[in-house]
C-alpha atoms as a PDB file:
ATOM      1  CA  MET A   1     -52.642 -48.381  29.871  1.00  0.00           C
ATOM      2  CA  ILE A   2     -50.154 -47.851  32.784  1.00  0.00           C
ATOM      3  CA  LYS A   3     -48.383 -51.236  33.272  1.00  0.00           C
ATOM      4  CA  LEU A   4     -47.950 -52.070  36.945  1.00  0.00           C
ATOM      5  CA  ALA A   5     -46.450 -55.168  38.310  1.00  0.00           C
ATOM      6  CA  THR A   6     -46.298 -56.898  41.981  1.00  0.00           C
ATOM      7  CA  ILE A   7     -43.552 -59.188  43.117  1.00  0.00           C
ATOM      8  CA  ALA A   8     -45.443 -60.815  45.979  1.00  0.00           C
ATOM      9  CA  GLY A   9     -47.019 -63.753  47.665  1.00  0.00           C
ATOM     10  CA  SER A  10     -50.373 -64.921  46.669  1.00  0.00           C
ATOM     11  CA  ASP A  11     -52.901 -64.833  49.712  1.00  0.00           C
ATOM     12  CA  ALA A  12     -55.528 -67.758  48.980  1.00  0.00           C
ATOM     13  CA  SER A  13     -58.003 -65.966  51.165  1.00  0.00           C
ATOM     14  CA  GLY A  14     -57.958 -63.018  48.437  1.00  0.00           C
ATOM     15  CA  GLY A  15     -57.687 -60.125  51.160  1.00  0.00           C
ATOM     16  CA  ALA A  16     -54.010 -59.535  50.999  1.00  0.00           C
ATOM     17  CA  GLY A  17     -50.841 -60.042  48.880  1.00  0.00           C
ATOM     18  CA  LEU A  18     -50.984 -59.859  45.132  1.00  0.00           C
ATOM     19  CA  GLU A  19     -54.670 -60.266  44.964  1.00  0.00           C
ATOM     20  CA  ALA A  20     -55.111 -57.063  47.093  1.00  0.00           C
ATOM     21  CA  ASP A  21     -52.335 -55.456  44.732  1.00  0.00           C
ATOM     22  CA  LEU A  22     -54.173 -56.395  41.472  1.00  0.00           C
ATOM     23  CA  LYS A  23     -57.591 -55.105  42.824  1.00  0.00           C
ATOM     24  CA  THR A  24     -55.916 -51.906  43.633  1.00  0.00           C
ATOM     25  CA  PHE A  25     -54.173 -51.673  40.362  1.00  0.00           C
ATOM     26  CA  GLN A  26     -57.646 -52.193  38.616  1.00  0.00           C
ATOM     27  CA  GLU A  27     -59.283 -49.478  40.563  1.00  0.00           C
ATOM     28  CA  TYR A  28     -56.494 -46.977  39.497  1.00  0.00           C
ATOM     29  CA  GLY A  29     -57.150 -47.779  35.945  1.00  0.00           C
ATOM     30  CA  GLY A  30     -53.823 -49.683  35.472  1.00  0.00           C
ATOM     31  CA  TYR A  31     -52.814 -52.857  33.893  1.00  0.00           C
ATOM     32  CA  GLY A  32     -51.832 -55.357  36.640  1.00  0.00           C
ATOM     33  CA  MET A  33     -49.418 -58.042  36.370  1.00  0.00           C
ATOM     34  CA  ALA A  34     -47.920 -60.453  39.059  1.00  0.00           C
ATOM     35  CA  ALA A  35     -44.984 -62.650  39.926  1.00  0.00           C
ATOM     36  CA  ILE A  36     -45.784 -65.054  42.598  1.00  0.00           C
ATOM     37  CA  THR A  37     -42.968 -65.555  45.158  1.00  0.00           C
ATOM     38  CA  VAL A  38     -44.942 -67.813  47.583  1.00  0.00           C
ATOM     39  CA  ILE A  39     -48.442 -69.031  48.152  1.00  0.00           C
ATOM     40  CA  ALA A  40     -49.957 -68.402  51.538  1.00  0.00           C
ATOM     41  CA  THR A  41     -52.827 -70.417  52.820  1.00  0.00           C
ATOM     42  CA  MET A  42     -54.997 -70.442  55.966  1.00  0.00           C
ATOM     43  CA  ASN A  43     -56.432 -73.392  57.512  1.00  0.00           C
ATOM     44  CA  PRO A  44     -60.075 -73.085  58.595  1.00  0.00           C
ATOM     45  CA  ASN A  45     -59.698 -76.241  60.547  1.00  0.00           C
ATOM     46  CA  ALA A  46     -56.964 -74.901  62.588  1.00  0.00           C
ATOM     47  CA  GLU A  47     -58.141 -71.404  63.718  1.00  0.00           C
ATOM     48  CA  TRP A  48     -56.947 -69.944  60.459  1.00  0.00           C
ATOM     49  CA  GLU A  49     -53.325 -71.101  60.925  1.00  0.00           C
ATOM     50  CA  HIS A  50     -51.013 -69.728  58.043  1.00  0.00           C
ATOM     51  CA  ALA A  51     -48.793 -71.894  55.866  1.00  0.00           C
ATOM     52  CA  VAL A  52     -46.265 -70.543  53.198  1.00  0.00           C
ATOM     53  CA  PHE A  53     -45.199 -72.465  50.178  1.00  0.00           C
ATOM     54  CA  PRO A  54     -42.423 -70.846  48.146  1.00  0.00           C
ATOM     55  CA  ILE A  55     -42.481 -70.886  44.349  1.00  0.00           C
ATOM     56  CA  ASP A  56     -39.544 -72.566  42.533  1.00  0.00           C
ATOM     57  CA  GLU A  57     -36.612 -70.318  41.605  1.00  0.00           C
ATOM     58  CA  GLN A  58     -36.916 -70.997  37.730  1.00  0.00           C
ATOM     59  CA  CYS A  59     -40.527 -70.492  37.818  1.00  0.00           C
ATOM     60  CA  LEU A  60     -40.205 -67.070  39.559  1.00  0.00           C
ATOM     61  CA  ARG A  61     -37.264 -66.087  36.971  1.00  0.00           C
ATOM     62  CA  SER A  62     -39.658 -67.075  34.143  1.00  0.00           C
ATOM     63  CA  GLN A  63     -42.411 -64.977  35.637  1.00  0.00           C
ATOM     64  CA  LEU A  64     -40.136 -61.939  35.894  1.00  0.00           C
ATOM     65  CA  GLU A  65     -38.905 -62.549  32.380  1.00  0.00           C
ATOM     66  CA  THR A  66     -42.490 -62.406  30.954  1.00  0.00           C
ATOM     67  CA  ILE A  67     -43.237 -59.152  32.953  1.00  0.00           C
ATOM     68  CA  PHE A  68     -40.034 -57.155  32.500  1.00  0.00           C
ATOM     69  CA  ASN A  69     -38.840 -58.401  29.164  1.00  0.00           C
ATOM     70  CA  GLY A  70     -42.071 -59.453  27.472  1.00  0.00           C
ATOM     71  CA  VAL A  71     -44.376 -56.661  28.427  1.00  0.00           C
ATOM     72  CA  GLY A  72     -42.642 -53.898  30.325  1.00  0.00           C
ATOM     73  CA  VAL A  73     -43.613 -51.947  33.427  1.00  0.00           C
ATOM     74  CA  ASP A  74     -44.073 -48.402  34.499  1.00  0.00           C
ATOM     75  CA  ALA A  75     -44.048 -48.939  38.299  1.00  0.00           C
ATOM     76  CA  VAL A  76     -43.408 -51.954  40.465  1.00  0.00           C
ATOM     77  CA  LYS A  77     -43.879 -53.085  44.120  1.00  0.00           C
ATOM     78  CA  THR A  78     -42.813 -55.831  46.109  1.00  0.00           C
ATOM     79  CA  GLY A  79     -44.539 -57.714  49.004  1.00  0.00           C
ATOM     80  CA  MET A  80     -43.737 -60.895  50.690  1.00  0.00           C
ATOM     81  CA  LEU A  81     -40.593 -62.372  48.899  1.00  0.00           C
ATOM     82  CA  GLY A  82     -40.201 -65.320  51.192  1.00  0.00           C
ATOM     83  CA  THR A  83     -36.774 -66.817  49.821  1.00  0.00           C
ATOM     84  CA  PRO A  84     -33.295 -65.384  49.290  1.00  0.00           C
ATOM     85  CA  TYR A  85     -33.462 -66.214  45.585  1.00  0.00           C
ATOM     86  CA  ALA A  86     -36.637 -64.230  45.299  1.00  0.00           C
ATOM     87  CA  VAL A  87     -34.602 -61.070  46.772  1.00  0.00           C
ATOM     88  CA  HIS A  88     -31.836 -61.609  44.387  1.00  0.00           C
ATOM     89  CA  LEU A  89     -33.813 -62.158  41.277  1.00  0.00           C
ATOM     90  CA  THR A  90     -36.104 -59.107  42.076  1.00  0.00           C
ATOM     91  CA  ALA A  91     -32.830 -56.843  42.494  1.00  0.00           C
ATOM     92  CA  GLU A  92     -31.593 -58.438  39.299  1.00  0.00           C
ATOM     93  CA  TYR A  93     -34.433 -57.467  37.097  1.00  0.00           C
ATOM     94  CA  LEU A  94     -35.162 -53.953  38.663  1.00  0.00           C
ATOM     95  CA  ASN A  95     -31.657 -53.110  38.012  1.00  0.00           C
ATOM     96  CA  LYS A  96     -31.284 -54.892  34.527  1.00  0.00           C
ATOM     97  CA  TYR A  97     -34.506 -53.018  33.308  1.00  0.00           C
ATOM     98  CA  LYS A  98     -33.657 -49.683  35.199  1.00  0.00           C
ATOM     99  CA  ILE A  99     -36.972 -49.357  37.060  1.00  0.00           C
ATOM    100  CA  LYS A 100     -37.337 -45.941  38.405  1.00  0.00           C
ATOM    101  CA  ASN A 101     -40.697 -46.515  40.093  1.00  0.00           C
ATOM    102  CA  PHE A 102     -40.110 -49.187  42.556  1.00  0.00           C
ATOM    103  CA  VAL A 103     -42.064 -49.269  45.785  1.00  0.00           C
ATOM    104  CA  LEU A 104     -40.633 -51.564  48.598  1.00  0.00           C
ATOM    105  CA  ASP A 105     -43.128 -52.928  51.103  1.00  0.00           C
ATOM    106  CA  PRO A 106     -40.798 -54.672  53.341  1.00  0.00           C
ATOM    107  CA  VAL A 107     -43.008 -57.539  54.577  1.00  0.00           C
ATOM    108  CA  MET A 108     -41.384 -58.714  57.742  1.00  0.00           C
ATOM    109  CA  VAL A 109     -44.246 -59.999  59.793  1.00  0.00           C
ATOM    110  CA  CYS A 110     -47.762 -61.384  59.463  1.00  0.00           C
ATOM    111  CA  LYS A 111     -50.617 -59.203  60.727  1.00  0.00           C
ATOM    112  CA  GLY A 112     -51.140 -59.848  64.528  1.00  0.00           C
ATOM    113  CA  ALA A 113     -47.602 -61.012  64.978  1.00  0.00           C
ATOM    114  CA  ASP A 114     -44.667 -59.144  66.605  1.00  0.00           C
ATOM    115  CA  LEU A 115     -41.598 -61.199  65.613  1.00  0.00           C
ATOM    116  CA  ALA A 116     -39.731 -61.105  62.302  1.00  0.00           C
ATOM    117  CA  LEU A 117     -40.502 -63.855  59.952  1.00  0.00           C
ATOM    118  CA  ASN A 118     -36.943 -64.333  58.972  1.00  0.00           C
ATOM    119  CA  PRO A 119     -34.415 -61.884  60.189  1.00  0.00           C
ATOM    120  CA  GLU A 120     -31.649 -62.983  57.753  1.00  0.00           C
ATOM    121  CA  LEU A 121     -34.023 -62.580  54.791  1.00  0.00           C
ATOM    122  CA  ASN A 122     -35.019 -59.106  56.014  1.00  0.00           C
ATOM    123  CA  GLU A 123     -31.382 -58.063  56.225  1.00  0.00           C
ATOM    124  CA  LEU A 124     -30.934 -59.136  52.613  1.00  0.00           C
ATOM    125  CA  ILE A 125     -33.944 -57.138  51.521  1.00  0.00           C
ATOM    126  CA  VAL A 126     -32.480 -54.065  53.283  1.00  0.00           C
ATOM    127  CA  GLN A 127     -29.128 -54.634  51.509  1.00  0.00           C
ATOM    128  CA  LYS A 128     -30.422 -55.449  48.119  1.00  0.00           C
ATOM    129  CA  LEU A 129     -33.630 -53.636  47.645  1.00  0.00           C
ATOM    130  CA  LEU A 130     -33.771 -50.580  49.890  1.00  0.00           C
ATOM    131  CA  PRO A 131     -31.077 -48.622  47.910  1.00  0.00           C
ATOM    132  CA  ILE A 132     -32.906 -49.084  44.533  1.00  0.00           C
ATOM    133  CA  ALA A 133     -36.449 -48.204  45.926  1.00  0.00           C
ATOM    134  CA  LYS A 134     -38.060 -44.875  45.259  1.00  0.00           C
ATOM    135  CA  ILE A 135     -40.196 -45.267  48.393  1.00  0.00           C
ATOM    136  CA  ILE A 136     -40.023 -47.852  51.213  1.00  0.00           C
ATOM    137  CA  MET A 137     -43.181 -48.205  53.123  1.00  0.00           C
ATOM    138  CA  PRO A 138     -42.689 -50.077  56.415  1.00  0.00           C
ATOM    139  CA  ASN A 139     -45.109 -50.319  59.197  1.00  0.00           C
ATOM    140  CA  LEU A 140     -44.038 -49.392  62.806  1.00  0.00           C
ATOM    141  CA  PHE A 141     -42.501 -52.874  63.528  1.00  0.00           C
ATOM    142  CA  GLU A 142     -40.764 -53.067  60.152  1.00  0.00           C
ATOM    143  CA  ALA A 143     -39.457 -49.409  60.582  1.00  0.00           C
ATOM    144  CA  GLY A 144     -37.889 -50.419  63.958  1.00  0.00           C
ATOM    145  CA  GLN A 145     -36.357 -53.446  62.458  1.00  0.00           C
ATOM    146  CA  ILE A 146     -34.864 -51.545  59.467  1.00  0.00           C
ATOM    147  CA  ALA A 147     -33.532 -48.555  61.557  1.00  0.00           C
ATOM    148  CA  LYS A 148     -32.457 -50.799  64.352  1.00  0.00           C
ATOM    149  CA  VAL A 149     -34.321 -48.881  66.800  1.00  0.00           C
ATOM    150  CA  PRO A 150     -37.267 -49.921  69.196  1.00  0.00           C
ATOM    151  CA  THR A 151     -40.683 -49.937  67.524  1.00  0.00           C
ATOM    152  CA  PRO A 152     -41.859 -46.394  67.136  1.00  0.00           C
ATOM    153  CA  LYS A 153     -44.713 -45.504  69.535  1.00  0.00           C
ATOM    154  CA  THR A 154     -44.858 -41.689  68.860  1.00  0.00           C
ATOM    155  CA  ILE A 155     -44.588 -39.398  65.765  1.00  0.00           C
ATOM    156  CA  GLU A 156     -41.199 -38.262  67.025  1.00  0.00           C
ATOM    157  CA  GLU A 157     -39.959 -41.906  67.187  1.00  0.00           C
ATOM    158  CA  MET A 158     -41.448 -42.395  63.647  1.00  0.00           C
ATOM    159  CA  GLN A 159     -39.422 -39.320  62.342  1.00  0.00           C
ATOM    160  CA  GLU A 160     -36.379 -40.701  63.876  1.00  0.00           C
ATOM    161  CA  ALA A 161     -36.656 -43.897  62.255  1.00  0.00           C
ATOM    162  CA  ALA A 162     -37.596 -42.315  58.931  1.00  0.00           C
ATOM    163  CA  LYS A 163     -34.301 -40.283  58.878  1.00  0.00           C
ATOM    164  CA  ILE A 164     -32.285 -43.288  59.746  1.00  0.00           C
ATOM    165  CA  ILE A 165     -33.903 -45.279  56.942  1.00  0.00           C
ATOM    166  CA  HIS A 166     -33.419 -42.343  54.443  1.00  0.00           C
ATOM    167  CA  ASP A 167     -29.868 -42.114  55.337  1.00  0.00           C
ATOM    168  CA  MET A 168     -29.638 -45.918  54.420  1.00  0.00           C
ATOM    169  CA  GLY A 169     -30.202 -44.968  50.723  1.00  0.00           C
ATOM    170  CA  CYS A 170     -33.925 -44.703  50.140  1.00  0.00           C
ATOM    171  CA  PRO A 171     -35.011 -41.090  48.890  1.00  0.00           C
ATOM    172  CA  PHE A 172     -38.602 -41.221  50.245  1.00  0.00           C
ATOM    173  CA  VAL A 173     -39.724 -42.877  53.305  1.00  0.00           C
ATOM    174  CA  PHE A 174     -43.509 -43.587  54.302  1.00  0.00           C
ATOM    175  CA  ILE A 175     -44.001 -45.093  57.693  1.00  0.00           C
ATOM    176  CA  LYS A 176     -47.376 -46.453  58.238  1.00  0.00           C
ATOM    177  CA  GLY A 177     -48.604 -45.878  61.816  1.00  0.00           C
ATOM    178  CA  GLY A 178     -52.387 -45.925  61.168  1.00  0.00           C
ATOM    179  CA  ALA A 179     -54.372 -47.201  64.201  1.00  0.00           C
ATOM    180  CA  HIS A 180     -51.340 -48.383  66.089  1.00  0.00           C
ATOM    181  CA  LEU A 181     -49.862 -45.094  67.122  1.00  0.00           C
ATOM    182  CA  GLN A 182     -50.187 -44.178  70.879  1.00  0.00           C
ATOM    183  CA  GLY A 183     -52.286 -41.227  71.852  1.00  0.00           C
ATOM    184  CA  GLN A 184     -53.744 -40.362  68.516  1.00  0.00           C
ATOM    185  CA  SER A 185     -57.416 -40.002  67.655  1.00  0.00           C
ATOM    186  CA  SER A 186     -56.824 -40.240  63.747  1.00  0.00           C
ATOM    187  CA  ALA A 187     -54.801 -42.476  61.636  1.00  0.00           C
ATOM    188  CA  VAL A 188     -51.384 -40.925  61.313  1.00  0.00           C
ATOM    189  CA  ASP A 189     -48.380 -42.009  59.004  1.00  0.00           C
ATOM    190  CA  VAL A 190     -45.258 -40.104  58.347  1.00  0.00           C
ATOM    191  CA  PHE A 191     -43.770 -39.191  55.052  1.00  0.00           C
ATOM    192  CA  TYR A 192     -40.073 -38.008  54.801  1.00  0.00           C
ATOM    193  CA  ASP A 193     -38.311 -36.705  51.610  1.00  0.00           C
ATOM    194  CA  GLY A 194     -34.870 -36.144  53.104  1.00  0.00           C
ATOM    195  CA  THR A 195     -35.611 -32.462  53.902  1.00  0.00           C
ATOM    196  CA  GLU A 196     -39.047 -32.218  55.438  1.00  0.00           C
ATOM    197  CA  PHE A 197     -41.467 -34.387  57.538  1.00  0.00           C
ATOM    198  CA  HIS A 198     -45.053 -34.413  56.532  1.00  0.00           C
ATOM    199  CA  LYS A 199     -47.680 -36.071  58.852  1.00  0.00           C
ATOM    200  CA  VAL A 200     -50.224 -37.788  56.678  1.00  0.00           C
ATOM    201  CA  GLU A 201     -53.435 -37.933  58.676  1.00  0.00           C
ATOM    202  CA  ALA A 202     -57.146 -39.228  57.975  1.00  0.00           C
ATOM    203  CA  GLU A 203     -60.066 -40.486  59.850  1.00  0.00           C
ATOM    204  CA  LEU A 204     -59.407 -43.498  62.167  1.00  0.00           C
ATOM    205  CA  ILE A 205     -61.558 -46.300  61.138  1.00  0.00           C
ATOM    206  CA  GLN A 206     -62.549 -48.322  64.159  1.00  0.00           C
ATOM    207  CA  THR A 207     -62.429 -51.722  62.769  1.00  0.00           C
ATOM    208  CA  THR A 208     -60.507 -54.975  62.896  1.00  0.00           C
ATOM    209  CA  TRP A 209     -61.312 -55.751  59.274  1.00  0.00           C
ATOM    210  CA  THR A 210     -57.981 -54.795  58.174  1.00  0.00           C
ATOM    211  CA  HIS A 211     -56.667 -57.726  56.224  1.00  0.00           C
ATOM    212  CA  GLY A 212     -54.551 -56.605  53.362  1.00  0.00           C
ATOM    213  CA  ALA A 213     -54.410 -52.830  54.299  1.00  0.00           C
ATOM    214  CA  GLY A 214     -50.733 -52.588  54.033  1.00  0.00           C
ATOM    215  CA  CYS A 215     -50.691 -54.310  50.645  1.00  0.00           C
ATOM    216  CA  THR A 216     -53.513 -52.186  49.357  1.00  0.00           C
ATOM    217  CA  THR A 217     -51.577 -48.915  50.459  1.00  0.00           C
ATOM    218  CA  ALA A 218     -48.490 -49.895  48.821  1.00  0.00           C
ATOM    219  CA  ALA A 219     -50.165 -50.861  45.660  1.00  0.00           C
ATOM    220  CA  ALA A 220     -51.967 -47.510  45.559  1.00  0.00           C
ATOM    221  CA  VAL A 221     -48.664 -45.549  45.834  1.00  0.00           C
ATOM    222  CA  THR A 222     -47.329 -47.762  43.102  1.00  0.00           C
ATOM    223  CA  ALA A 223     -50.159 -46.941  40.875  1.00  0.00           C
ATOM    224  CA  GLY A 224     -49.825 -43.486  41.640  1.00  0.00           C
ATOM    225  CA  LEU A 225     -46.246 -43.316  40.544  1.00  0.00           C
ATOM    226  CA  GLY A 226     -47.040 -45.271  37.513  1.00  0.00           C
ATOM    227  CA  ALA A 227     -49.547 -42.655  36.543  1.00  0.00           C
ATOM    228  CA  GLY A 228     -47.033 -39.970  36.938  1.00  0.00           C
ATOM    229  CA  LEU A 229     -47.812 -38.570  40.444  1.00  0.00           C
ATOM    230  CA  ALA A 230     -44.952 -37.216  42.586  1.00  0.00           C
ATOM    231  CA  PRO A 231     -44.132 -39.426  45.484  1.00  0.00           C
ATOM    232  CA  TYR A 232     -45.960 -37.342  48.101  1.00  0.00           C
ATOM    233  CA  ASP A 233     -48.910 -36.900  45.988  1.00  0.00           C
ATOM    234  CA  ALA A 234     -49.067 -40.554  45.368  1.00  0.00           C
ATOM    235  CA  VAL A 235     -49.020 -41.095  49.071  1.00  0.00           C
ATOM    236  CA  LEU A 236     -51.753 -38.497  49.800  1.00  0.00           C
ATOM    237  CA  ARG A 237     -54.020 -40.251  47.147  1.00  0.00           C
ATOM    238  CA  ALA A 238     -53.285 -43.584  48.620  1.00  0.00           C
ATOM    239  CA  LYS A 239     -54.264 -42.486  52.012  1.00  0.00           C
ATOM    240  CA  LYS A 240     -57.713 -41.459  50.821  1.00  0.00           C
ATOM    241  CA  PHE A 241     -58.021 -44.779  48.970  1.00  0.00           C
ATOM    242  CA  ILE A 242     -57.203 -46.891  51.946  1.00  0.00           C
ATOM    243  CA  THR A 243     -59.449 -44.749  54.305  1.00  0.00           C
ATOM    244  CA  LEU A 244     -62.260 -45.497  51.929  1.00  0.00           C
ATOM    245  CA  SER A 245     -61.456 -49.143  51.473  1.00  0.00           C
ATOM    246  CA  LEU A 246     -61.322 -49.631  55.368  1.00  0.00           C
ATOM    247  CA  ARG A 247     -64.476 -47.571  56.064  1.00  0.00           C
ATOM    248  CA  ASN A 248     -66.352 -50.074  53.717  1.00  0.00           C
ATOM    249  CA  GLY A 249     -64.686 -53.123  54.857  1.00  0.00           C
ATOM    250  CA  PHE A 250     -66.586 -56.522  55.437  1.00  0.00           C
ATOM    251  CA  GLU A 251     -66.352 -59.547  57.635  1.00  0.00           C
ATOM    252  CA  MET A 252     -64.626 -62.420  55.673  1.00  0.00           C
ATOM    253  CA  ASN A 253     -65.117 -64.917  58.413  1.00  0.00           C
ATOM    254  CA  ARG A 254     -64.879 -65.332  62.109  1.00  0.00           C
ATOM    255  CA  TRP A 255     -61.224 -64.737  62.165  1.00  0.00           C
ATOM    256  CA  GLY A 256     -61.156 -61.452  60.339  1.00  0.00           C
ATOM    257  CA  GLY A 257     -62.183 -59.144  57.595  1.00  0.00           C
ATOM    258  CA  ALA A 258     -60.760 -57.094  54.595  1.00  0.00           C
ATOM    259  CA  GLY A 259     -61.149 -53.609  53.156  1.00  0.00           C
ATOM    260  CA  ASN A 260     -63.094 -52.991  50.108  1.00  0.00           C
ATOM    261  CA  PRO A 261     -60.895 -51.346  47.270  1.00  0.00           C
ATOM    262  CA  SER A 262     -63.798 -50.639  45.065  1.00  0.00           C
ATOM    263  CA  ALA A 263     -65.317 -48.584  47.786  1.00  0.00           C
ATOM    264  CA  TRP A 264     -64.503 -45.338  46.162  1.00  0.00           C
ATOM    265  CA  ARG A 265     -66.994 -45.943  43.399  1.00  0.00           C
ATOM    266  CA  LYS A 266     -70.002 -45.848  45.872  1.00  0.00           C
ATOM    267  CA  PRO A 267     -71.802 -42.508  46.106  1.00  0.00           C
ATOM    268  CA  PHE A 268     -71.861 -40.613  49.309  1.00  0.00           C
ATOM    269  CA  ASN A 269     -68.538 -41.818  50.657  1.00  0.00           C
END
């Protein structure tokens, strides 16, 4: 079995975070493990208001020790880390065990928001984790924050940000534009390998049921790398995977909905 790990927050609603990661790992035929950094909850009595509860530092270290030393991994991704010690511990274990297939999903903002959750923490993530990642997968807002440019709104601006981020030390950059790019009739992302830009394009799914889409995409890339795919091939397969998931999404409640990571099993997709 391909051993895959996520270091991320737990989403009590099940649509995003490590729950989305583990579902995706399973669909790729991998053996999924998780180190919980924070627990995110949503209050149905307060318009789905979010609350985040960090996991104790020693508890997180013990989880990482179980995964990296006790079992071993072929590929790792990070999601919401939430605390400075989570960033430091993640970097410590990735370096100590010389993990080559590390996918950095730099979670800087909750869906629907446009302000960084914690600017100081985000800087620490860039400093400690970006240089050891094989692929970094920011959305448009996160790409602008990392590259220190305005949030990209066009493919050309995505390419500019991708080049800056690559020059900061990450060999492969995959900026997720999706449905948020101006003037596009399809879901467009940009992949940069330091030499060539690739436009990664798929059907634009007209839906608001997108909870966990970013987590699922990053988990799919992680699983692809763990299975031995080259970075660009892992991205192309992940793009197909998330497109099918969103096409077959469902309404969770009156506040939103999630994709369906098992959708590829359905006939006539």
